[in-house]
Amino acid sequence: MYGTPSGSMNRMSEKEPVARSIRLAWRAVIVAYIIEGFSSVGALVINEIMPAPNDGGEWIELFNEAQTSVDIKDWRLTDASDNYSLLASRDRVIGPGSYLIMAEDSATAEKLDLDSTTIILVPADWSPLNNEGDHLWLADAGGLVADQIEYGSDAGRVAGRSWERIDAHSPGLEHDNWGPCADFNGHTAGRANSLIPLAGHIKATVSVSPNPFNPYRGEVTVISFSLPAAVSRLTVYIYDAAGRRVGKPAVNIPAGSRSPLLTWDGRDDNDDLLPIGRYIVYAEAVDERSGKVHSTRCTVVLADRLK
């Protein structure tokens, strides 16, 4: 019963080199695949969604945060109701650091005014985003989940404002890794998200350019910020040299660590041009996560109207 039939060892010896060759061949394929620079699971993430558009259709942004390319043939995006959209039925490669926009229709994609580097897909089987919240899974051709996110009703609360991922390297299921877009356009489709935090940044700063500027010639100055929190509510006031508040360019608007950029035309709350002189730009940002208040200020000069 336990003996080896005559000749069986010889037959095994003959098959072993073949099996070994097959294993080596598969290893070579895998190594070649890696060297070629293609990846799958974990490289492509759901980066931004527009569940409640103000004008046009819905859309979803995917971002390749890896150093390798991704072929999205037969990839699917599925929601909690098992509705899914097929990304591509043929080979479609997303390069490292590239963006892909899945739009509800071609008219929506055109309104986003994307640059030529952004890949645009209009799936034939678009699954509407649930404004009250949903769970989305992004899976490759083999069914392996590359990324998943879960959002609530807060994502669709403000029409025309997208829901952004703060850190592409952090899990999409973390609620604190998402927030409302702080860009004045209401979205950052095809470009870096407005909520991306500044590495190692702990102090709020504000600056203006140009400075001085001449509003009597129609000039404006751009007010820019660096804020320690990824998601804040921002208020900006203008004070004169006597400490009187004369303007408020922004009140309780959404802000990221580097967004938004504001413009000021040198006018007060009554839309009258202010006298030449020195003014204070005071900014106050409330961290939406911790409630901590960060404030900062800078000086801006309105130039002589005759210059």
C-alpha atoms as a PDB file:
ATOM      1  CA  MET A   1       0.000   0.000   0.000  1.00  0.00           C
ATOM      2  CA  TYR A   2       2.745   2.427   0.927  1.00  0.00           C
ATOM      3  CA  GLY A   3       5.225   1.250  -1.688  1.00  0.00           C
ATOM      4  CA  THR A   4       6.128   3.242  -4.736  1.00  0.00           C
ATOM      5  CA  PRO A   5       5.142   1.684  -8.049  1.00  0.00           C
ATOM      6  CA  SER A   6       8.036   0.805 -10.220  1.00  0.00           C
ATOM      7  CA  GLY A   7       9.022   3.726 -12.435  1.00  0.00           C
ATOM      8  CA  SER A   8       6.943   6.324 -10.563  1.00  0.00           C
ATOM      9  CA  MET A   9       9.990   8.098  -9.175  1.00  0.00           C
ATOM     10  CA  ASN A  10      11.384   8.385 -12.649  1.00  0.00           C
ATOM     11  CA  ARG A  11       8.138   9.882 -13.899  1.00  0.00           C
ATOM     12  CA  MET A  12       8.135  12.419 -11.013  1.00  0.00           C
ATOM     13  CA  SER A  13      11.722  13.310 -11.780  1.00  0.00           C
ATOM     14  CA  GLU A  14      10.793  13.953 -15.375  1.00  0.00           C
ATOM     15  CA  LYS A  15       7.869  16.231 -14.425  1.00  0.00           C
ATOM     16  CA  GLU A  16       9.722  18.240 -11.800  1.00  0.00           C
ATOM     17  CA  PRO A  17      11.848  20.258 -14.260  1.00  0.00           C
ATOM     18  CA  VAL A  18       8.683  21.144 -16.187  1.00  0.00           C
ATOM     19  CA  ALA A  19       6.884  22.330 -13.043  1.00  0.00           C
ATOM     20  CA  ARG A  20       9.937  24.288 -11.975  1.00  0.00           C
ATOM     21  CA  SER A  21      10.122  25.918 -15.387  1.00  0.00           C
ATOM     22  CA  ILE A  22       6.478  26.953 -15.128  1.00  0.00           C
ATOM     23  CA  ARG A  23       7.071  28.504 -11.698  1.00  0.00           C
ATOM     24  CA  LEU A  24      10.093  30.394 -12.960  1.00  0.00           C
ATOM     25  CA  ALA A  25       8.154  31.593 -15.976  1.00  0.00           C
ATOM     26  CA  TRP A  26       5.388  32.997 -13.771  1.00  0.00           C
ATOM     27  CA  ARG A  27       7.965  34.717 -11.579  1.00  0.00           C
ATOM     28  CA  ALA A  28       9.481  36.268 -14.671  1.00  0.00           C
ATOM     29  CA  VAL A  29       6.075  37.543 -15.765  1.00  0.00           C
ATOM     30  CA  ILE A  30       5.439  39.085 -12.346  1.00  0.00           C
ATOM     31  CA  VAL A  31       8.869  40.717 -12.230  1.00  0.00           C
ATOM     32  CA  ALA A  32       8.435  42.051 -15.759  1.00  0.00           C
ATOM     33  CA  TYR A  33       5.025  43.434 -14.808  1.00  0.00           C
ATOM     34  CA  ILE A  34       6.529  45.275 -11.858  1.00  0.00           C
ATOM     35  CA  ILE A  35       9.496  46.557 -13.847  1.00  0.00           C
ATOM     36  CA  GLU A  36       7.164  47.758 -16.590  1.00  0.00           C
ATOM     37  CA  GLY A  37       5.648  50.039 -13.988  1.00  0.00           C
ATOM     38  CA  PHE A  38       2.088  48.807 -13.657  1.00  0.00           C
ATOM     39  CA  SER A  39       0.217  48.402 -10.418  1.00  0.00           C
ATOM     40  CA  SER A  40      -3.346  47.716  -9.328  1.00  0.00           C
ATOM     41  CA  VAL A  41      -4.675  47.583  -5.810  1.00  0.00           C
ATOM     42  CA  GLY A  42      -3.908  50.560  -3.573  1.00  0.00           C
ATOM     43  CA  ALA A  43      -2.640  52.890  -6.296  1.00  0.00           C
ATOM     44  CA  LEU A  44      -5.894  54.409  -7.528  1.00  0.00           C
ATOM     45  CA  VAL A  45      -8.078  56.194  -4.960  1.00  0.00           C
ATOM     46  CA  ILE A  46     -11.440  57.944  -4.910  1.00  0.00           C
ATOM     47  CA  ASN A  47     -10.277  61.525  -4.428  1.00  0.00           C
ATOM     48  CA  GLU A  48     -13.268  63.851  -4.883  1.00  0.00           C
ATOM     49  CA  ILE A  49     -17.012  63.492  -5.450  1.00  0.00           C
ATOM     50  CA  MET A  50     -19.782  65.864  -6.526  1.00  0.00           C
ATOM     51  CA  PRO A  51     -23.055  64.348  -5.246  1.00  0.00           C
ATOM     52  CA  ALA A  52     -25.076  67.591  -5.405  1.00  0.00           C
ATOM     53  CA  PRO A  53     -24.066  69.651  -8.446  1.00  0.00           C
ATOM     54  CA  ASN A  54     -25.424  73.159  -8.718  1.00  0.00           C
ATOM     55  CA  ASP A  55     -25.372  73.042 -12.501  1.00  0.00           C
ATOM     56  CA  GLY A  56     -24.836  69.975 -14.647  1.00  0.00           C
ATOM     57  CA  GLY A  57     -24.412  66.341 -13.685  1.00  0.00           C
ATOM     58  CA  GLU A  58     -22.582  64.414 -10.988  1.00  0.00           C
ATOM     59  CA  TRP A  59     -18.969  63.342 -11.238  1.00  0.00           C
ATOM     60  CA  ILE A  60     -16.269  61.426  -9.376  1.00  0.00           C
ATOM     61  CA  GLU A  61     -12.526  62.045  -9.445  1.00  0.00           C
ATOM     62  CA  LEU A  62      -9.983  59.233  -9.162  1.00  0.00           C
ATOM     63  CA  PHE A  63      -6.308  59.895  -8.478  1.00  0.00           C
ATOM     64  CA  ASN A  64      -3.281  57.667  -9.011  1.00  0.00           C
ATOM     65  CA  GLU A  65      -1.227  58.423  -5.910  1.00  0.00           C
ATOM     66  CA  ALA A  66       1.416  55.771  -6.663  1.00  0.00           C
ATOM     67  CA  GLN A  67       4.640  55.874  -8.664  1.00  0.00           C
ATOM     68  CA  THR A  68       3.353  53.260 -11.104  1.00  0.00           C
ATOM     69  CA  SER A  69       0.737  53.244 -13.854  1.00  0.00           C
ATOM     70  CA  VAL A  70      -2.647  51.535 -13.532  1.00  0.00           C
ATOM     71  CA  ASP A  71      -4.644  49.827 -16.290  1.00  0.00           C
ATOM     72  CA  ILE A  72      -8.334  50.269 -15.416  1.00  0.00           C
ATOM     73  CA  LYS A  73      -9.751  47.819 -17.943  1.00  0.00           C
ATOM     74  CA  ASP A  74     -12.776  46.051 -16.359  1.00  0.00           C
ATOM     75  CA  TRP A  75     -12.510  48.059 -13.130  1.00  0.00           C
ATOM     76  CA  ARG A  76     -15.802  48.835 -11.399  1.00  0.00           C
ATOM     77  CA  LEU A  77     -17.165  51.428  -9.015  1.00  0.00           C
ATOM     78  CA  THR A  78     -19.970  49.960  -6.889  1.00  0.00           C
ATOM     79  CA  ASP A  79     -22.302  51.563  -4.342  1.00  0.00           C
ATOM     80  CA  ALA A  80     -24.111  50.183  -1.287  1.00  0.00           C
ATOM     81  CA  SER A  81     -27.108  49.161  -3.422  1.00  0.00           C
ATOM     82  CA  ASP A  82     -24.851  47.042  -5.667  1.00  0.00           C
ATOM     83  CA  ASN A  83     -25.253  49.459  -8.558  1.00  0.00           C
ATOM     84  CA  TYR A  84     -22.010  49.732 -10.461  1.00  0.00           C
ATOM     85  CA  SER A  85     -20.310  51.662 -13.233  1.00  0.00           C
ATOM     86  CA  LEU A  86     -17.716  50.031 -15.475  1.00  0.00           C
ATOM     87  CA  LEU A  87     -14.700  52.287 -15.877  1.00  0.00           C
ATOM     88  CA  ALA A  88     -13.365  50.885 -19.151  1.00  0.00           C
ATOM     89  CA  SER A  89     -13.940  47.800 -21.299  1.00  0.00           C
ATOM     90  CA  ARG A  90     -10.598  48.206 -23.078  1.00  0.00           C
ATOM     91  CA  ASP A  91      -7.063  48.917 -21.902  1.00  0.00           C
ATOM     92  CA  ARG A  92      -6.872  52.389 -20.355  1.00  0.00           C
ATOM     93  CA  VAL A  93      -3.743  53.387 -18.471  1.00  0.00           C
ATOM     94  CA  ILE A  94      -3.644  56.029 -15.732  1.00  0.00           C
ATOM     95  CA  GLY A  95      -0.146  57.380 -15.191  1.00  0.00           C
ATOM     96  CA  PRO A  96       1.452  58.224 -11.826  1.00  0.00           C
ATOM     97  CA  GLY A  97       0.062  61.408 -10.296  1.00  0.00           C
ATOM     98  CA  SER A  98      -2.703  61.597 -12.907  1.00  0.00           C
ATOM     99  CA  TYR A  99      -6.391  62.365 -12.461  1.00  0.00           C
ATOM    100  CA  LEU A 100      -9.421  60.657 -13.961  1.00  0.00           C
ATOM    101  CA  ILE A 101     -12.896  62.181 -14.019  1.00  0.00           C
ATOM    102  CA  MET A 102     -15.948  59.920 -14.264  1.00  0.00           C
ATOM    103  CA  ALA A 103     -18.763  62.213 -15.412  1.00  0.00           C
ATOM    104  CA  GLU A 104     -22.481  61.542 -15.579  1.00  0.00           C
ATOM    105  CA  ASP A 105     -22.560  62.887 -19.136  1.00  0.00           C
ATOM    106  CA  SER A 106     -20.312  64.608 -21.668  1.00  0.00           C
ATOM    107  CA  ALA A 107     -21.901  68.024 -21.051  1.00  0.00           C
ATOM    108  CA  THR A 108     -20.845  67.821 -17.398  1.00  0.00           C
ATOM    109  CA  ALA A 109     -17.267  67.000 -18.372  1.00  0.00           C
ATOM    110  CA  GLU A 110     -17.141  69.999 -20.716  1.00  0.00           C
ATOM    111  CA  LYS A 111     -18.361  72.379 -17.994  1.00  0.00           C
ATOM    112  CA  LEU A 112     -15.521  71.302 -15.702  1.00  0.00           C
ATOM    113  CA  ASP A 113     -13.032  72.852 -18.155  1.00  0.00           C
ATOM    114  CA  LEU A 114     -10.388  70.183 -17.524  1.00  0.00           C
ATOM    115  CA  ASP A 115      -6.898  70.374 -18.974  1.00  0.00           C
ATOM    116  CA  SER A 116      -5.566  67.898 -21.526  1.00  0.00           C
ATOM    117  CA  THR A 117      -3.737  65.792 -18.921  1.00  0.00           C
ATOM    118  CA  THR A 118      -6.947  64.753 -17.143  1.00  0.00           C
ATOM    119  CA  ILE A 119      -8.585  61.562 -18.393  1.00  0.00           C
ATOM    120  CA  ILE A 120     -12.341  61.833 -18.879  1.00  0.00           C
ATOM    121  CA  LEU A 121     -14.722  58.879 -18.806  1.00  0.00           C
ATOM    122  CA  VAL A 122     -18.480  58.929 -19.371  1.00  0.00           C
ATOM    123  CA  PRO A 123     -19.729  55.471 -18.282  1.00  0.00           C
ATOM    124  CA  ALA A 124     -22.701  54.026 -20.148  1.00  0.00           C
ATOM    125  CA  ASP A 125     -24.123  52.769 -16.852  1.00  0.00           C
ATOM    126  CA  TRP A 126     -23.792  55.746 -14.502  1.00  0.00           C
ATOM    127  CA  SER A 127     -24.971  55.057 -10.936  1.00  0.00           C
ATOM    128  CA  PRO A 128     -26.279  58.246  -9.255  1.00  0.00           C
ATOM    129  CA  LEU A 129     -24.567  59.377  -6.055  1.00  0.00           C
ATOM    130  CA  ASN A 130     -26.846  59.322  -3.026  1.00  0.00           C
ATOM    131  CA  ASN A 131     -27.068  62.812  -1.512  1.00  0.00           C
ATOM    132  CA  GLU A 132     -27.995  61.324   1.870  1.00  0.00           C
ATOM    133  CA  GLY A 133     -24.792  59.283   2.038  1.00  0.00           C
ATOM    134  CA  ASP A 134     -23.414  56.113   0.520  1.00  0.00           C
ATOM    135  CA  HIS A 135     -20.602  53.562   0.489  1.00  0.00           C
ATOM    136  CA  LEU A 136     -18.483  53.297  -2.653  1.00  0.00           C
ATOM    137  CA  TRP A 137     -16.064  50.523  -3.606  1.00  0.00           C
ATOM    138  CA  LEU A 138     -13.443  50.759  -6.342  1.00  0.00           C
ATOM    139  CA  ALA A 139     -12.385  47.276  -7.486  1.00  0.00           C
ATOM    140  CA  ASP A 140      -9.999  46.031 -10.159  1.00  0.00           C
ATOM    141  CA  ALA A 141     -10.725  43.480 -12.895  1.00  0.00           C
ATOM    142  CA  GLY A 142     -10.132  40.610 -10.472  1.00  0.00           C
ATOM    143  CA  GLY A 143     -12.572  41.986  -7.906  1.00  0.00           C
ATOM    144  CA  LEU A 144      -9.889  43.153  -5.465  1.00  0.00           C
ATOM    145  CA  VAL A 145     -10.876  46.368  -3.681  1.00  0.00           C
ATOM    146  CA  ALA A 146      -8.404  49.141  -4.453  1.00  0.00           C
ATOM    147  CA  ASP A 147     -10.205  51.774  -2.383  1.00  0.00           C
ATOM    148  CA  GLN A 148     -13.477  52.424  -0.603  1.00  0.00           C
ATOM    149  CA  ILE A 149     -15.112  55.461   0.945  1.00  0.00           C
ATOM    150  CA  GLU A 150     -18.170  56.165   3.036  1.00  0.00           C
ATOM    151  CA  TYR A 151     -19.806  59.573   3.135  1.00  0.00           C
ATOM    152  CA  GLY A 152     -22.824  61.031   4.923  1.00  0.00           C
ATOM    153  CA  SER A 153     -25.454  63.633   4.159  1.00  0.00           C
ATOM    154  CA  ASP A 154     -22.960  66.431   4.884  1.00  0.00           C
ATOM    155  CA  ALA A 155     -21.278  65.688   1.547  1.00  0.00           C
ATOM    156  CA  GLY A 156     -24.386  66.728  -0.375  1.00  0.00           C
ATOM    157  CA  ARG A 157     -25.492  69.515   1.928  1.00  0.00           C
ATOM    158  CA  VAL A 158     -24.229  72.422  -0.185  1.00  0.00           C
ATOM    159  CA  ALA A 159     -25.179  72.341  -3.861  1.00  0.00           C
ATOM    160  CA  GLY A 160     -22.270  72.976  -6.181  1.00  0.00           C
ATOM    161  CA  ARG A 161     -19.558  72.197  -3.622  1.00  0.00           C
ATOM    162  CA  SER A 162     -17.635  68.942  -3.899  1.00  0.00           C
ATOM    163  CA  TRP A 163     -16.494  66.606  -1.119  1.00  0.00           C
ATOM    164  CA  GLU A 164     -12.698  66.320  -1.054  1.00  0.00           C
ATOM    165  CA  ARG A 165     -10.255  63.773   0.286  1.00  0.00           C
ATOM    166  CA  ILE A 166      -7.666  65.424   2.504  1.00  0.00           C
ATOM    167  CA  ASP A 167      -4.865  62.847   2.326  1.00  0.00           C
ATOM    168  CA  ALA A 168      -4.719  60.355  -0.557  1.00  0.00           C
ATOM    169  CA  HIS A 169      -2.441  58.105   1.515  1.00  0.00           C
ATOM    170  CA  SER A 170      -4.890  57.819   4.430  1.00  0.00           C
ATOM    171  CA  PRO A 171      -7.916  55.471   4.418  1.00  0.00           C
ATOM    172  CA  GLY A 172     -10.958  56.674   2.516  1.00  0.00           C
ATOM    173  CA  LEU A 173     -13.234  55.284   5.222  1.00  0.00           C
ATOM    174  CA  GLU A 174     -11.946  57.802   7.774  1.00  0.00           C
ATOM    175  CA  HIS A 175     -14.592  60.516   8.079  1.00  0.00           C
ATOM    176  CA  ASP A 176     -11.987  63.063   9.199  1.00  0.00           C
ATOM    177  CA  ASN A 177     -10.131  62.485   5.932  1.00  0.00           C
ATOM    178  CA  TRP A 178     -12.875  64.283   4.007  1.00  0.00           C
ATOM    179  CA  GLY A 179     -14.306  67.793   3.912  1.00  0.00           C
ATOM    180  CA  PRO A 180     -16.098  70.381   1.747  1.00  0.00           C
ATOM    181  CA  CYS A 181     -14.032  71.914  -1.028  1.00  0.00           C
ATOM    182  CA  ALA A 182     -12.614  75.319  -0.107  1.00  0.00           C
ATOM    183  CA  ASP A 183     -11.925  76.448  -3.665  1.00  0.00           C
ATOM    184  CA  PHE A 184     -14.027  79.365  -4.962  1.00  0.00           C
ATOM    185  CA  ASN A 185     -15.056  77.262  -7.952  1.00  0.00           C
ATOM    186  CA  GLY A 186     -16.651  74.791  -5.556  1.00  0.00           C
ATOM    187  CA  HIS A 187     -14.416  71.974  -6.758  1.00  0.00           C
ATOM    188  CA  THR A 188     -10.868  71.113  -7.822  1.00  0.00           C
ATOM    189  CA  ALA A 189     -11.617  68.572 -10.563  1.00  0.00           C
ATOM    190  CA  GLY A 190      -8.429  67.482 -12.312  1.00  0.00           C
ATOM    191  CA  ARG A 191      -6.077  69.290  -9.941  1.00  0.00           C
ATOM    192  CA  ALA A 192      -4.750  69.167  -6.379  1.00  0.00           C
ATOM    193  CA  ASN A 193      -7.442  69.248  -3.711  1.00  0.00           C
ATOM    194  CA  SER A 194      -7.902  72.462  -1.766  1.00  0.00           C
ATOM    195  CA  LEU A 195      -7.785  70.616   1.571  1.00  0.00           C
ATOM    196  CA  ILE A 196      -4.345  69.018   1.187  1.00  0.00           C
ATOM    197  CA  PRO A 197      -2.497  69.883   4.435  1.00  0.00           C
ATOM    198  CA  LEU A 198       0.837  71.660   4.477  1.00  0.00           C
ATOM    199  CA  ALA A 199       3.535  69.327   5.785  1.00  0.00           C
ATOM    200  CA  GLY A 200       4.833  70.412   9.178  1.00  0.00           C
ATOM    201  CA  HIS A 201       2.842  73.632   9.109  1.00  0.00           C
ATOM    202  CA  ILE A 202       1.617  74.797  12.520  1.00  0.00           C
ATOM    203  CA  LYS A 203       1.195  78.584  12.226  1.00  0.00           C
ATOM    204  CA  ALA A 204      -1.442  80.600  10.387  1.00  0.00           C
ATOM    205  CA  THR A 205      -0.168  83.277   8.010  1.00  0.00           C
ATOM    206  CA  VAL A 206      -1.763  85.746   5.602  1.00  0.00           C
ATOM    207  CA  SER A 207      -0.177  87.763   2.806  1.00  0.00           C
ATOM    208  CA  VAL A 208      -1.305  90.179   0.089  1.00  0.00           C
ATOM    209  CA  SER A 209       0.001  90.844  -3.417  1.00  0.00           C
ATOM    210  CA  PRO A 210       0.470  93.326  -4.936  1.00  0.00           C
ATOM    211  CA  ASN A 211       1.213  95.542  -1.975  1.00  0.00           C
ATOM    212  CA  PRO A 212       0.813  98.514  -2.282  1.00  0.00           C
ATOM    213  CA  PHE A 213      -1.969  98.526  -4.871  1.00  0.00           C
ATOM    214  CA  ASN A 214      -3.996 101.318  -6.455  1.00  0.00           C
ATOM    215  CA  PRO A 215      -7.763 100.665  -6.388  1.00  0.00           C
ATOM    216  CA  TYR A 216      -8.345 104.060  -8.050  1.00  0.00           C
ATOM    217  CA  ARG A 217      -6.893 102.533 -11.209  1.00  0.00           C
ATOM    218  CA  GLY A 218      -9.038  99.455 -10.895  1.00  0.00           C
ATOM    219  CA  GLU A 219      -6.321  97.350  -9.277  1.00  0.00           C
ATOM    220  CA  VAL A 220      -7.101  94.612  -6.754  1.00  0.00           C
ATOM    221  CA  THR A 221      -4.908  92.737  -4.315  1.00  0.00           C
ATOM    222  CA  VAL A 222      -4.947  88.981  -3.770  1.00  0.00           C
ATOM    223  CA  ILE A 223      -5.152  87.743  -0.177  1.00  0.00           C
ATOM    224  CA  SER A 224      -3.612  84.292   0.332  1.00  0.00           C
ATOM    225  CA  PHE A 225      -3.363  82.096   3.404  1.00  0.00           C
ATOM    226  CA  SER A 226      -1.467  79.236   4.982  1.00  0.00           C
ATOM    227  CA  LEU A 227      -3.556  77.580   7.682  1.00  0.00           C
ATOM    228  CA  PRO A 228      -2.615  74.780  10.108  1.00  0.00           C
ATOM    229  CA  ALA A 229      -5.936  72.926   9.751  1.00  0.00           C
ATOM    230  CA  ALA A 230      -6.988  71.011   6.654  1.00  0.00           C
ATOM    231  CA  VAL A 231     -10.637  72.037   7.074  1.00  0.00           C
ATOM    232  CA  SER A 232     -11.591  75.416   8.560  1.00  0.00           C
ATOM    233  CA  ARG A 233     -14.185  78.182   8.450  1.00  0.00           C
ATOM    234  CA  LEU A 234     -12.521  81.455   7.518  1.00  0.00           C
ATOM    235  CA  THR A 235     -13.483  85.066   8.255  1.00  0.00           C
ATOM    236  CA  VAL A 236     -11.478  88.052   7.001  1.00  0.00           C
ATOM    237  CA  TYR A 237     -11.858  91.681   8.121  1.00  0.00           C
ATOM    238  CA  ILE A 238     -10.205  94.934   7.030  1.00  0.00           C
ATOM    239  CA  TYR A 239      -9.362  97.556   9.685  1.00  0.00           C
ATOM    240  CA  ASP A 240      -8.150 101.120   9.195  1.00  0.00           C
ATOM    241  CA  ALA A 241      -5.261 102.742  11.080  1.00  0.00           C
ATOM    242  CA  ALA A 242      -7.628 103.793  13.874  1.00  0.00           C
ATOM    243  CA  GLY A 243      -8.713 100.207  14.478  1.00  0.00           C
ATOM    244  CA  ARG A 244     -12.170 100.606  12.936  1.00  0.00           C
ATOM    245  CA  ARG A 245     -13.523  97.721  10.887  1.00  0.00           C
ATOM    246  CA  VAL A 246     -14.171  98.982   7.372  1.00  0.00           C
ATOM    247  CA  GLY A 247     -14.573  95.822   5.303  1.00  0.00           C
ATOM    248  CA  LYS A 248     -15.170  92.083   5.413  1.00  0.00           C
ATOM    249  CA  PRO A 249     -14.033  90.258   2.260  1.00  0.00           C
ATOM    250  CA  ALA A 250     -15.112  86.882   3.672  1.00  0.00           C
ATOM    251  CA  VAL A 251     -17.361  85.652   6.484  1.00  0.00           C
ATOM    252  CA  ASN A 252     -17.387  82.031   7.643  1.00  0.00           C
ATOM    253  CA  ILE A 253     -16.418  80.528   4.297  1.00  0.00           C
ATOM    254  CA  PRO A 254     -14.902  77.022   3.913  1.00  0.00           C
ATOM    255  CA  ALA A 255     -11.115  76.994   3.774  1.00  0.00           C
ATOM    256  CA  GLY A 256      -8.306  74.515   3.340  1.00  0.00           C
ATOM    257  CA  SER A 257      -4.695  74.844   4.363  1.00  0.00           C
ATOM    258  CA  ARG A 258      -3.929  76.903   1.239  1.00  0.00           C
ATOM    259  CA  SER A 259      -7.365  77.871  -0.062  1.00  0.00           C
ATOM    260  CA  PRO A 260      -9.146  79.991  -0.958  1.00  0.00           C
ATOM    261  CA  LEU A 261      -7.488  82.973  -2.584  1.00  0.00           C
ATOM    262  CA  LEU A 262      -9.484  86.142  -1.963  1.00  0.00           C
ATOM    263  CA  THR A 263      -9.408  89.421  -3.848  1.00  0.00           C
ATOM    264  CA  TRP A 264     -10.006  92.846  -2.342  1.00  0.00           C
ATOM    265  CA  ASP A 265     -10.699  95.937  -4.418  1.00  0.00           C
ATOM    266  CA  GLY A 266     -10.046  98.529  -1.717  1.00  0.00           C
ATOM    267  CA  ARG A 267     -13.734  99.153  -1.025  1.00  0.00           C
ATOM    268  CA  ASP A 268     -15.592  99.223   2.279  1.00  0.00           C
ATOM    269  CA  ASP A 269     -18.830  97.485   3.270  1.00  0.00           C
ATOM    270  CA  ASN A 270     -20.811 100.178   1.427  1.00  0.00           C
ATOM    271  CA  ASP A 271     -18.852  99.549  -1.785  1.00  0.00           C
ATOM    272  CA  ASP A 272     -17.101 102.923  -1.514  1.00  0.00           C
ATOM    273  CA  LEU A 273     -13.390 103.276  -2.261  1.00  0.00           C
ATOM    274  CA  LEU A 274     -11.401 103.756   0.930  1.00  0.00           C
ATOM    275  CA  PRO A 275      -8.908 106.628   1.365  1.00  0.00           C
ATOM    276  CA  ILE A 276      -5.253 106.036   0.612  1.00  0.00           C
ATOM    277  CA  GLY A 277      -3.277 104.754   3.552  1.00  0.00           C
ATOM    278  CA  ARG A 278      -2.344 101.715   5.581  1.00  0.00           C
ATOM    279  CA  TYR A 279      -4.877  99.008   6.501  1.00  0.00           C
ATOM    280  CA  ILE A 280      -4.825  95.772   8.461  1.00  0.00           C
ATOM    281  CA  VAL A 281      -6.002  92.464   6.987  1.00  0.00           C
ATOM    282  CA  TYR A 282      -7.153  90.292   9.892  1.00  0.00           C
ATOM    283  CA  ALA A 283      -7.981  86.613   9.291  1.00  0.00           C
ATOM    284  CA  GLU A 284      -9.544  84.162  11.721  1.00  0.00           C
ATOM    285  CA  ALA A 285      -9.848  80.449  10.936  1.00  0.00           C
ATOM    286  CA  VAL A 286     -11.806  77.990  13.086  1.00  0.00           C
ATOM    287  CA  ASP A 287     -10.640  74.374  12.842  1.00  0.00           C
ATOM    288  CA  GLU A 288     -13.775  72.350  12.044  1.00  0.00           C
ATOM    289  CA  ARG A 289     -12.307  69.251  13.701  1.00  0.00           C
ATOM    290  CA  SER A 290     -11.048  70.670  17.005  1.00  0.00           C
ATOM    291  CA  GLY A 291     -12.800  74.041  17.224  1.00  0.00           C
ATOM    292  CA  LYS A 292      -9.442  75.748  17.776  1.00  0.00           C
ATOM    293  CA  VAL A 293      -9.230  79.319  16.513  1.00  0.00           C
ATOM    294  CA  HIS A 294      -6.176  80.451  14.530  1.00  0.00           C
ATOM    295  CA  SER A 295      -5.723  84.142  13.781  1.00  0.00           C
ATOM    296  CA  THR A 296      -3.207  86.107  11.758  1.00  0.00           C
ATOM    297  CA  ARG A 297      -2.817  89.553  10.237  1.00  0.00           C
ATOM    298  CA  CYS A 298      -0.790  91.602   7.798  1.00  0.00           C
ATOM    299  CA  THR A 299      -0.588  95.174   6.522  1.00  0.00           C
ATOM    300  CA  VAL A 300      -1.761  96.379   3.115  1.00  0.00           C
ATOM    301  CA  VAL A 301      -1.295  99.843   1.630  1.00  0.00           C
ATOM    302  CA  LEU A 302      -3.686 101.619  -0.726  1.00  0.00           C
ATOM    303  CA  ALA A 303      -1.535 103.694  -3.067  1.00  0.00           C
ATOM    304  CA  ASP A 304      -1.989 107.333  -4.016  1.00  0.00           C
ATOM    305  CA  ARG A 305      -4.705 107.748  -6.640  1.00  0.00           C
ATOM    306  CA  LEU A 306      -2.416 110.078  -8.615  1.00  0.00           C
ATOM    307  CA  LYS A 307       0.432 107.606  -8.952  1.00  0.00           C
END
